[in-house]
Protein backbone atom coordinates (compact mmCIF):
# COMPACT_ATOMS: atom_id res chain seq x y z
CA UNK A 1 67.45 58.83 -31.79
CA UNK A 2 68.64 60.45 -28.64
CA UNK A 3 67.49 59.48 -25.01
CA UNK A 4 68.16 61.93 -21.77
CA UNK A 5 67.79 60.49 -18.46
CA UNK A 6 65.63 62.56 -16.15
CA UNK A 7 67.39 61.25 -13.17
CA UNK A 8 68.50 63.64 -10.50
CA UNK A 9 72.20 63.71 -8.52
CA UNK A 10 71.63 64.58 -4.90
CA UNK A 11 73.52 65.08 -1.57
CA UNK A 12 74.04 61.95 0.62
CA UNK A 13 72.10 61.95 3.88
CA UNK A 14 74.97 60.96 5.76
CA UNK A 15 77.04 64.51 4.77
CA UNK A 16 74.43 66.26 7.11
CA UNK A 17 74.64 64.06 9.88
CA UNK A 18 78.65 64.55 9.67
CA UNK A 19 78.28 68.33 9.58
CA UNK A 20 75.95 68.31 12.81
CA UNK A 21 78.37 66.08 14.36
CA UNK A 22 81.64 68.56 13.73
CA UNK A 23 79.38 71.61 14.87
CA UNK A 24 78.17 69.56 18.17
CA UNK A 25 81.89 68.45 19.03
CA UNK A 26 83.15 71.93 18.26
CA UNK A 27 80.63 73.16 20.52
CA UNK A 28 81.41 70.96 23.29
CA UNK A 29 85.37 71.44 22.72
CA UNK A 30 84.69 75.37 23.04
CA UNK A 31 82.69 74.88 26.07
CA UNK A 32 85.63 72.85 27.70
CA UNK A 33 88.00 74.93 26.37
CA UNK A 34 86.40 77.79 27.90
CA UNK A 35 86.12 76.24 31.06
CA UNK A 36 89.42 75.19 30.90
CA UNK A 37 90.70 78.43 30.07
CA UNK A 38 88.60 80.04 32.71
CA UNK A 39 89.70 77.91 35.70
CA UNK A 40 93.52 78.48 34.39
CA UNK A 41 93.35 82.01 34.60
CA UNK A 42 91.45 81.78 37.88
CA UNK A 43 94.24 79.74 39.07
CA UNK A 44 96.54 81.98 37.87
CA UNK A 45 94.93 84.94 39.56
CA UNK A 46 94.44 82.69 42.80
CA UNK A 47 98.09 82.15 42.69
CA UNK A 48 99.10 85.79 42.06
CA UNK A 49 96.82 86.48 44.96
CA UNK A 50 98.70 84.07 47.11
CA UNK A 51 101.98 85.22 46.31
CA UNK A 52 101.02 89.14 46.99
CA UNK A 53 99.65 88.09 50.30
CA UNK A 54 102.52 85.99 51.07
CA UNK A 55 105.09 88.64 50.33
CA UNK A 56 102.90 91.31 52.38
CA UNK A 57 103.29 89.40 55.32
CA UNK A 58 107.14 89.50 54.92
CA UNK A 59 106.76 93.24 53.85
CA UNK A 60 104.91 93.75 57.22
CA UNK A 61 107.37 92.18 59.14
CA UNK A 62 110.38 93.96 57.46
CA UNK A 63 108.38 97.22 58.68
CA UNK A 64 108.19 95.90 62.32
CA UNK A 65 112.11 95.30 62.00
CA UNK A 66 112.74 98.43 60.31
CA UNK A 67 110.84 100.51 63.02
CA UNK A 68 112.78 98.38 65.69
CA UNK A 69 116.02 99.47 64.20
CA UNK A 70 114.50 103.26 64.09
CA UNK A 71 113.70 103.25 67.49
CA UNK A 72 117.15 101.92 68.67
CA UNK A 73 118.60 104.86 66.86
CA UNK A 74 116.52 107.69 68.48
CA UNK A 75 116.71 106.42 72.18
CA UNK A 76 114.69 109.72 73.46
CA UNK A 77 111.55 107.71 72.01
CA UNK A 78 111.91 104.99 74.42
CA UNK A 79 112.44 107.25 77.49
CA UNK A 80 109.76 109.95 77.03
CA UNK A 81 108.27 109.35 73.46
CA UNK A 82 109.81 112.16 72.16
CA UNK A 83 110.37 112.06 68.39
CA UNK A 84 108.10 109.52 67.66
CA UNK A 85 107.13 109.20 63.95
CA UNK A 86 103.80 107.68 63.37
CA UNK A 87 102.44 106.70 60.65
CA UNK A 88 105.43 105.93 58.72
CA UNK A 89 105.73 104.41 55.29
CA UNK A 90 108.85 102.17 54.60
CA UNK A 91 109.34 101.31 51.05
CA UNK A 92 110.58 97.45 50.64
CA UNK A 93 113.20 97.27 47.75
CA UNK A 94 114.45 93.87 46.35
CA UNK A 95 118.00 94.48 45.05
CA UNK A 96 116.95 92.47 41.80
CA UNK A 97 113.21 93.60 41.21
CA UNK A 98 113.55 97.12 42.83
CA UNK A 99 110.36 98.23 44.88
CA UNK A 100 108.15 95.24 45.87
CA UNK A 101 105.72 96.92 48.07
CA UNK A 102 105.45 99.24 51.26
CA UNK A 103 104.53 98.93 54.81
CA UNK A 104 102.67 101.48 56.76
CA UNK A 105 103.67 101.42 60.70
CA UNK A 106 102.00 103.03 63.37
CA UNK A 107 103.00 103.54 66.83
CA UNK A 108 100.88 103.88 70.25
CA UNK A 109 103.05 104.65 73.11
CA UNK A 110 101.76 103.77 76.83
CA UNK A 111 103.13 106.54 78.80
CA UNK A 112 102.88 107.06 82.45
CA UNK A 113 104.48 110.02 84.60
CA UNK A 114 105.73 111.15 81.40
CA UNK A 115 107.83 108.11 80.83
CA UNK A 116 107.66 105.59 78.07
CA UNK A 117 106.20 102.17 79.48
CA UNK A 118 105.98 100.56 76.18
CA UNK A 119 104.89 100.78 72.29
CA UNK A 120 102.10 99.12 70.17
CA UNK A 121 103.34 98.75 67.02
CA UNK A 122 101.29 98.02 63.92
CA UNK A 123 102.28 97.49 60.36
CA UNK A 124 100.37 97.00 57.42
CA UNK A 125 102.40 95.28 54.26
CA UNK A 126 101.02 95.46 50.89
CA UNK A 127 103.00 93.97 47.85
CA UNK A 128 102.72 95.75 44.42
CA UNK A 129 101.89 92.40 43.01
CA UNK A 130 98.54 92.64 44.69
CA UNK A 131 97.71 95.88 46.83
CA UNK A 132 94.15 94.06 47.66
CA UNK A 133 96.06 91.62 49.64
CA UNK A 134 97.39 93.52 52.71
CA UNK A 135 98.81 91.70 55.98
CA UNK A 136 98.90 93.61 59.31
CA UNK A 137 100.86 92.64 62.03
CA UNK A 138 100.72 93.86 65.56
CA UNK A 139 103.49 93.60 68.54
CA UNK A 140 104.49 95.27 71.54
CA UNK A 141 107.86 96.47 71.93
CA UNK A 142 109.27 96.71 75.48
CA UNK A 143 111.68 95.21 77.92
CA UNK A 144 110.68 91.69 79.31
CA UNK A 145 109.03 92.12 82.40
CA UNK A 146 109.80 89.98 85.54
CA UNK A 147 106.21 89.35 85.66
CA UNK A 148 107.02 86.49 83.35
CA UNK A 149 108.24 84.69 86.44
CA UNK A 150 106.60 83.28 89.28
CA UNK A 151 110.09 83.60 91.51
CA UNK A 152 112.93 85.30 90.74
CA UNK A 153 115.82 85.00 93.20
CA UNK A 154 119.59 86.49 93.31
CA UNK A 155 120.15 84.02 96.01
CA UNK A 156 119.74 80.38 96.57
CA UNK A 157 116.81 79.02 97.74
CA UNK A 158 114.76 75.69 98.70
CA UNK A 159 111.14 75.14 97.78
CA UNK A 160 109.88 72.60 100.30
CA UNK A 161 107.71 69.47 99.63
CA UNK A 162 104.31 71.51 100.44
CA UNK A 163 105.24 74.09 97.84
CA UNK A 164 103.03 73.88 94.60
CA UNK A 165 103.93 76.34 91.69
CA UNK A 166 102.91 77.35 87.93
CA UNK A 167 105.09 79.41 86.28
CA UNK A 168 109.14 79.66 85.68
CA UNK A 169 111.21 79.62 88.56
CA UNK A 170 114.70 81.09 88.42
CA UNK A 171 117.64 81.63 90.87
CA UNK A 172 121.39 83.08 89.97
CA UNK A 173 122.49 80.99 92.55
CA UNK A 174 121.02 77.43 92.56
CA UNK A 175 117.73 76.00 93.85
CA UNK A 176 116.62 72.96 95.90
CA UNK A 177 113.10 71.77 94.54
CA UNK A 178 111.22 69.47 96.86
CA UNK A 179 107.93 70.82 95.30
CA UNK A 180 105.52 70.57 92.58
CA UNK A 181 105.85 72.63 89.31
CA UNK A 182 104.55 72.76 86.21
CA UNK A 183 107.08 74.94 84.27
CA UNK A 184 110.98 75.71 83.80
CA UNK A 185 113.05 75.63 86.88
CA UNK A 186 116.09 77.32 85.99
CA UNK A 187 119.18 78.24 88.08
CA UNK A 188 122.60 80.07 86.73
CA UNK A 189 124.89 77.83 88.35
CA UNK A 190 126.07 74.49 87.35
CA UNK A 191 126.44 73.45 90.64
CA UNK A 192 125.22 75.12 94.60
CA UNK A 193 126.73 74.38 97.68
CA UNK A 194 124.28 72.46 100.03
CA UNK A 195 124.85 72.80 103.78
CA UNK A 196 122.32 71.92 106.67
CA UNK A 197 120.31 74.94 105.80
CA UNK A 198 119.31 73.56 102.40
CA UNK A 199 118.84 69.95 104.19
CA UNK A 200 122.19 68.68 103.40
CA UNK A 201 123.95 66.80 106.16
CA UNK A 202 126.82 66.47 105.34
CA UNK A 203 127.13 69.31 103.28
CA UNK A 204 127.81 68.91 99.58
CA UNK A 205 127.99 69.96 96.28
CA UNK A 206 125.29 69.49 94.44
CA UNK A 207 123.15 70.28 90.51
CA UNK A 208 121.96 74.03 90.03
CA UNK A 209 118.88 72.70 90.19
CA UNK A 210 118.25 69.39 92.59
CA UNK A 211 116.10 67.62 94.83
CA UNK A 212 112.83 65.46 95.16
CA UNK A 213 110.38 67.47 93.27
CA UNK A 214 108.24 67.12 89.92
CA UNK A 215 108.81 67.38 86.54
CA UNK A 216 112.97 67.38 86.84
CA UNK A 217 113.03 67.35 82.74
CA UNK A 218 111.85 70.93 83.09
CA UNK A 219 115.16 71.81 85.17
CA UNK A 220 117.63 73.65 83.53
CA UNK A 221 121.17 74.67 84.71
CA UNK A 222 123.43 76.49 83.98
CA UNK A 223 121.04 79.12 82.53
CA UNK A 224 121.50 82.63 81.73
CA UNK A 225 122.33 85.25 84.54
CA UNK A 226 119.29 87.78 85.47
CA UNK A 227 120.97 90.78 86.22
CA UNK A 228 119.63 92.23 89.35
CA UNK A 229 121.88 95.38 89.59
CA UNK A 230 120.37 96.08 85.89
CA UNK A 231 116.96 95.49 86.95
CA UNK A 232 117.33 97.98 89.86
CA UNK A 233 114.90 100.87 89.93
CA UNK A 234 116.41 104.60 90.29
CA UNK A 235 114.15 105.74 93.04
CA UNK A 236 115.35 109.21 93.03
CA UNK A 237 113.61 109.49 89.57
CA UNK A 238 110.44 107.73 90.69
CA UNK A 239 110.39 110.18 93.69
CA UNK A 240 110.47 112.91 91.35
CA UNK A 241 107.46 111.58 89.46
CA UNK A 242 105.34 110.89 92.25
CA UNK A 243 106.22 114.21 93.74
CA UNK A 244 104.98 115.87 90.61
CA UNK A 245 101.97 114.15 89.18
CA UNK A 246 101.75 111.16 91.55
CA UNK A 247 100.81 110.32 95.12
CA UNK A 248 103.69 110.87 97.66
CA UNK A 249 103.60 109.84 101.15
CA UNK A 250 106.49 111.98 102.85
CA UNK A 251 107.40 111.52 106.24
CA UNK A 252 105.28 114.47 107.64
CA UNK A 253 102.46 114.50 104.87
CA UNK A 254 100.80 112.97 101.93
CA UNK A 255 100.40 114.67 98.48
CA UNK A 256 98.43 114.10 95.09
CA UNK A 257 100.00 115.36 92.07
CA UNK A 258 101.74 117.94 94.60
CA UNK A 259 98.73 118.93 96.63
CA UNK A 260 98.74 118.43 100.60
CA UNK A 261 95.98 116.16 101.32
CA UNK A 262 94.94 116.20 104.79
CA UNK A 263 97.11 118.03 107.32
CA UNK A 264 100.65 117.35 108.15
CA UNK A 265 101.98 115.49 111.09
CA UNK A 266 104.93 114.52 113.02
CA UNK A 267 107.82 112.23 111.24
CA UNK A 268 106.89 108.76 110.64
CA UNK A 269 109.86 108.00 108.47
CA UNK A 270 113.44 106.56 109.39
CA UNK A 271 111.99 104.00 112.04
CA UNK A 272 110.62 100.47 112.34
CA UNK A 273 108.30 101.11 114.61
CA UNK A 274 106.32 103.66 112.78
CA UNK A 275 105.21 104.36 109.19
CA UNK A 276 102.08 103.99 106.57
CA UNK A 277 99.34 101.70 106.67
CA UNK A 278 97.69 101.78 103.05
CA UNK A 279 94.31 99.88 102.51
CA UNK A 280 93.46 99.27 98.57
CA UNK A 281 89.62 99.85 98.22
CA UNK A 282 87.64 97.96 95.30
CA UNK A 283 86.65 101.69 93.90
CA UNK A 284 90.54 102.25 93.12
CA UNK A 285 91.08 104.86 96.01
CA UNK A 286 93.54 104.17 98.97
CA UNK A 287 92.88 104.58 102.63
CA UNK A 288 96.15 105.99 104.11
CA UNK A 289 96.94 105.90 107.69
CA UNK A 290 100.06 106.78 109.33
CA UNK A 291 101.26 104.40 112.06
CA UNK A 292 102.19 105.79 115.37
CA UNK A 293 103.08 102.80 117.44
CA UNK A 294 103.93 99.08 116.87
CA UNK A 295 104.33 95.63 119.24
CA UNK A 296 107.52 94.00 118.34
CA UNK A 297 109.00 90.22 118.92
CA UNK A 298 112.19 88.59 118.88
CA UNK A 299 112.39 86.70 115.64
CA UNK A 300 115.22 84.91 113.35
CA UNK A 301 115.91 85.71 109.79
CA UNK A 302 118.18 85.10 106.72
CA UNK A 303 118.50 88.96 106.23
CA UNK A 304 122.35 89.68 105.60
CA UNK A 305 121.58 93.12 107.21
CA UNK A 306 119.95 92.05 110.63
CA UNK A 307 121.49 88.46 110.73
CA UNK A 308 120.32 85.79 112.92
CA UNK A 309 117.99 87.19 115.72
CA UNK A 310 116.86 90.53 116.19
CA UNK A 311 114.02 92.27 117.12
CA UNK A 312 111.00 93.26 114.78
CA UNK A 313 108.02 95.60 114.77
CA UNK A 314 105.31 93.82 112.58
CA UNK A 315 102.11 94.45 114.54
CA UNK A 316 100.46 97.92 114.27
CA UNK A 317 99.50 99.16 117.98
CA UNK A 318 98.26 102.47 116.93
CA UNK A 319 97.42 104.35 113.86
CA UNK A 320 95.70 107.65 112.64
CA UNK A 321 93.73 108.17 109.40
CA UNK A 322 95.23 110.71 106.98
CA UNK A 323 93.21 110.56 103.76
CA UNK A 324 91.40 108.61 101.16
CA UNK A 325 93.81 109.25 97.73
CA UNK A 326 92.99 108.31 94.21
CA UNK A 327 96.34 107.77 92.22
CA UNK A 328 96.14 109.90 89.28
CA UNK A 329 95.25 107.66 85.60
CA UNK A 330 98.49 109.79 84.08
CA UNK A 331 100.61 108.71 86.82
CA UNK A 332 99.53 105.84 89.23
CA UNK A 333 102.32 105.92 91.17
CA UNK A 334 102.59 105.78 95.08
CA UNK A 335 105.89 106.58 96.67
CA UNK A 336 106.16 106.13 100.37
CA UNK A 337 109.62 107.12 102.32
CA UNK A 338 108.63 104.99 105.45
CA UNK A 339 108.25 101.38 106.22
CA UNK A 340 104.59 100.47 104.81
CA UNK A 341 102.16 98.00 105.80
CA UNK A 342 99.57 97.15 102.63
CA UNK A 343 96.16 95.05 102.39
CA UNK A 344 93.01 95.35 100.61
CA UNK A 345 91.25 94.98 97.18
CA UNK A 346 93.06 96.54 94.45
CA UNK A 347 91.41 98.39 91.44
CA UNK A 348 93.15 99.50 88.12
CA UNK A 349 96.76 99.54 87.67
CA UNK A 350 99.31 101.04 90.11
CA UNK A 351 102.69 100.93 91.66
CA UNK A 352 103.69 101.45 95.17
CA UNK A 353 107.37 102.20 96.04
CA UNK A 354 108.84 101.74 99.49
CA UNK A 355 112.32 103.57 99.61
CA UNK A 356 114.24 106.35 101.37
CA UNK A 357 117.10 108.18 99.43
CA UNK A 358 118.82 108.84 102.50
CA UNK A 359 120.58 106.04 105.03
CA UNK A 360 117.16 104.21 106.31
CA UNK A 361 116.04 101.49 104.06
CA UNK A 362 112.36 100.59 104.72
CA UNK A 363 110.44 97.35 104.08
CA UNK A 364 106.84 96.43 103.01
CA UNK A 365 104.43 94.22 105.66
CA UNK A 366 102.09 92.41 104.25
CA UNK A 367 99.23 93.05 107.19
CA UNK A 368 96.16 91.07 105.68
CA UNK A 369 95.13 89.75 102.65
CA UNK A 370 95.80 91.45 99.20
CA UNK A 371 93.52 90.52 96.20
CA UNK A 372 92.17 92.19 93.05
CA UNK A 373 88.77 93.77 92.07
CA UNK A 374 88.85 92.14 88.64
CA UNK A 375 91.48 89.62 86.99
CA UNK A 376 91.24 90.48 83.51
CA UNK A 377 94.35 91.95 83.12
CA UNK A 378 92.50 95.67 83.75
CA UNK A 379 93.84 95.62 87.52
CA UNK A 380 97.53 94.79 88.69
CA UNK A 381 99.67 96.01 91.53
CA UNK A 382 103.69 96.16 91.57
CA UNK A 383 105.20 96.73 94.96
CA UNK A 384 108.69 97.48 95.05
CA UNK A 385 110.46 97.67 98.60
CA UNK A 386 114.06 99.01 98.81
CA UNK A 387 114.51 96.72 101.94
CA UNK A 388 112.41 93.40 102.09
CA UNK A 389 108.91 92.02 101.87
CA UNK A 390 107.71 90.42 105.04
CA UNK A 391 104.68 88.72 105.72
CA UNK A 392 103.17 89.77 109.09
CA UNK A 393 102.55 87.86 112.42
CA UNK A 394 99.00 88.30 112.87
CA UNK A 395 97.69 87.44 109.61
CA UNK A 396 94.92 85.16 108.26
CA UNK A 397 95.22 81.65 108.38
CA UNK A 398 94.73 80.98 104.48
CA UNK A 399 96.39 83.86 103.40
CA UNK A 400 96.02 85.20 99.73
CA UNK A 401 98.34 87.95 97.88
CA UNK A 402 98.39 89.08 94.34
CA UNK A 403 100.70 91.29 92.85
CA UNK A 404 104.16 91.78 91.67
CA UNK A 405 106.48 92.21 94.45
CA UNK A 406 110.04 93.04 94.63
CA UNK A 407 112.39 92.99 97.69
CA UNK A 408 115.18 95.06 95.62
CA UNK A 409 117.79 95.00 98.32
CA UNK A 410 116.05 92.46 100.88
CA UNK A 411 114.28 89.32 100.82
CA UNK A 412 110.81 88.06 100.66
CA UNK A 413 109.49 85.78 103.59
CA UNK A 414 108.24 85.59 106.97
CA UNK A 415 110.30 85.89 110.05
CA UNK A 416 110.85 82.71 112.11
CA UNK A 417 108.59 83.31 115.35
CA UNK A 418 108.93 81.21 117.80
CA UNK A 419 105.97 80.16 120.27
CA UNK A 420 108.27 80.56 123.72
CA UNK A 421 108.31 82.88 126.39
CA UNK A 422 111.03 85.65 125.81
CA UNK A 423 110.26 85.58 122.08
CA UNK A 424 106.48 85.92 121.84
CA UNK A 425 103.58 87.02 124.26
CA UNK A 426 101.48 83.95 124.62
CA UNK A 427 98.50 85.84 122.76
CA UNK A 428 100.61 85.59 119.69
CA UNK A 429 101.31 81.92 119.97
CA UNK A 430 98.79 81.23 117.87
CA UNK A 431 99.56 82.95 114.91
CA UNK A 432 102.96 81.45 114.79
CA UNK A 433 102.04 78.80 112.02
CA UNK A 434 99.24 79.24 109.73
CA UNK A 435 97.51 76.75 107.16
CA UNK A 436 98.37 78.35 103.73
CA UNK A 437 99.64 81.03 101.48
CA UNK A 438 98.48 81.50 97.77
CA UNK A 439 100.25 84.29 95.97
CA UNK A 440 99.06 84.71 92.45
CA UNK A 441 101.65 86.81 90.69
CA UNK A 442 105.36 87.30 90.66
CA UNK A 443 108.26 87.18 93.57
CA UNK A 444 111.32 88.99 93.22
CA UNK A 445 114.02 88.34 96.06
CA UNK A 446 117.58 89.48 96.29
CA UNK A 447 118.38 87.45 99.27
CA UNK A 448 117.23 84.61 100.38
CA UNK A 449 113.84 84.17 102.45
CA UNK A 450 111.49 81.58 103.77
CA UNK A 451 107.68 81.22 104.49
CA UNK A 452 107.82 77.90 106.20
CA UNK A 453 110.72 77.26 108.94
CA UNK A 454 110.91 73.45 109.10
CA UNK A 455 111.66 71.37 111.95
CA UNK A 456 111.98 67.72 110.61
CA UNK A 457 109.27 67.48 108.08
CA UNK A 458 107.16 70.00 109.18
CA UNK A 459 106.82 73.82 109.70
CA UNK A 460 107.77 74.79 112.90
CA UNK A 461 107.05 78.52 111.66
CA UNK A 462 105.22 79.93 108.83
CA UNK A 463 102.57 78.52 106.46
CA UNK A 464 102.42 74.83 106.35
CA UNK A 465 101.21 74.97 102.48
CA UNK A 466 102.17 77.07 99.58
CA UNK A 467 100.67 78.02 96.23
CA UNK A 468 102.46 80.12 93.66
CA UNK A 469 101.28 81.14 90.42
CA UNK A 470 102.50 83.74 88.02
CA UNK A 471 100.12 86.22 86.54
CA UNK A 472 100.30 85.59 82.73
CA UNK A 473 97.54 88.40 81.81
CA UNK A 474 100.00 90.89 83.56
CA UNK A 475 103.27 89.65 82.00
CA UNK A 476 103.04 91.59 78.86
CA UNK A 477 100.82 94.62 80.33
CA UNK A 478 102.28 95.11 83.80
CA UNK A 479 101.39 98.16 86.05
CA UNK A 480 103.87 101.23 85.33
CA UNK A 481 107.70 101.15 86.23
CA UNK A 482 107.37 97.28 87.01
CA UNK A 483 111.21 96.30 86.84
CA UNK A 484 112.55 94.75 83.68
CA UNK A 485 114.23 91.18 83.52
CA UNK A 486 116.35 92.41 80.61
CA UNK A 487 118.19 95.68 79.70
CA UNK A 488 116.95 95.62 76.02
CA UNK A 489 113.88 96.57 74.38
CA UNK A 490 112.29 93.41 72.28
CA UNK A 491 109.00 92.66 70.54
CA UNK A 492 106.27 90.83 72.45
CA UNK A 493 102.75 89.47 71.77
CA UNK A 494 103.94 89.26 68.05
CA UNK A 495 100.73 88.21 66.18
CA UNK A 496 98.62 88.82 63.00
CA UNK A 497 95.49 90.81 63.00
């Protein structure tokens, strides 16, 4: 008899559990793999973006450098802006990788009287590795301005113990620094000869910069020479600009853009006791007076032309109003062909030239306080004298001057006034010494001058305390035709947008 078993063979429960575990682990693995892969892809994309962004910066910089080359080979652009190409696309080629990107360069010229002052250049770089990551560089192409200095001297100079300065000081022929400064004090000579006029007895050779002043670690000598002949302005050219489109103070008339203002008058030119008196006003205009008579005094000066004692005419005795003038915005240049007294509140940027293309060499007299309507960089005055920049006698006890002041052939300073009969009238004795002089801007002097004439340890004539600071806001955006401290153009204010 045969017997058959009815028992049925089935799948083990453990097999199902294993399958579920495998599926679960595979799911987790796929999630992790997807996350890691996504992260890796994002990192790769991020890396390519960083590379493209970094490369774009170098491409933008290469665009600036190319444009500098282009400008150097097209000098007419740097004179009158003619031939300017903007915008310009410059392709950047790598010898090993062909084209790597493009720089789009645009240039915006600043013009005055038809002459270029500077160029604002923008370069936008894009890499073919990622055109969506551009970099933009902005720079100003100009000759470095004298406005970067607080003082710039062609001669030796002595800054006394009561002088407080902020900003670079420089001399081509040595500095005795007994005052307080917070910036570089530089001289182009390694040694200077110190005689009694510099306080040395006996006379001796000293370092290019020496004295008892502060921050001697910032003193530098010898430093590169500043070319004073190279920074000299061409008065004939500037006179033509003023006659055509600026303000021209002729010896017998005043014109704006060639149109006579007021009436003509007898000549005030080629004379030390006549000239023009300019009062700058906060509305941007200038009151022009013709000075018809002055009062004079016997004074002492370092001036190489007059030398020692001479008769000076610093005080206006009589004057007549001529006109209220507004310097044209496209040619904010005032040219005076006579001795000129200045004071008031300047508004807007303008430049005053006081020069005579003939034999007479006129000077500028600071007659009173000279200030700015604003100090945000929209206001500025450059005043250039063919002769000297002289602080008058009857000036405020606490005097303030703002501006960029240049004595092209003469000196900056105040004559040595002597409170004694035969030198000054008794009524003027009170003006011999003044308490303080504050100058915010730049002083450029060809010859040696003084604003404090010492007698022992104190000022016998001049300002007892002097405070000087350069105007860093105007250092890279000065008024038109401000002299340059270099002969070459370069980029300043380089920054990324």
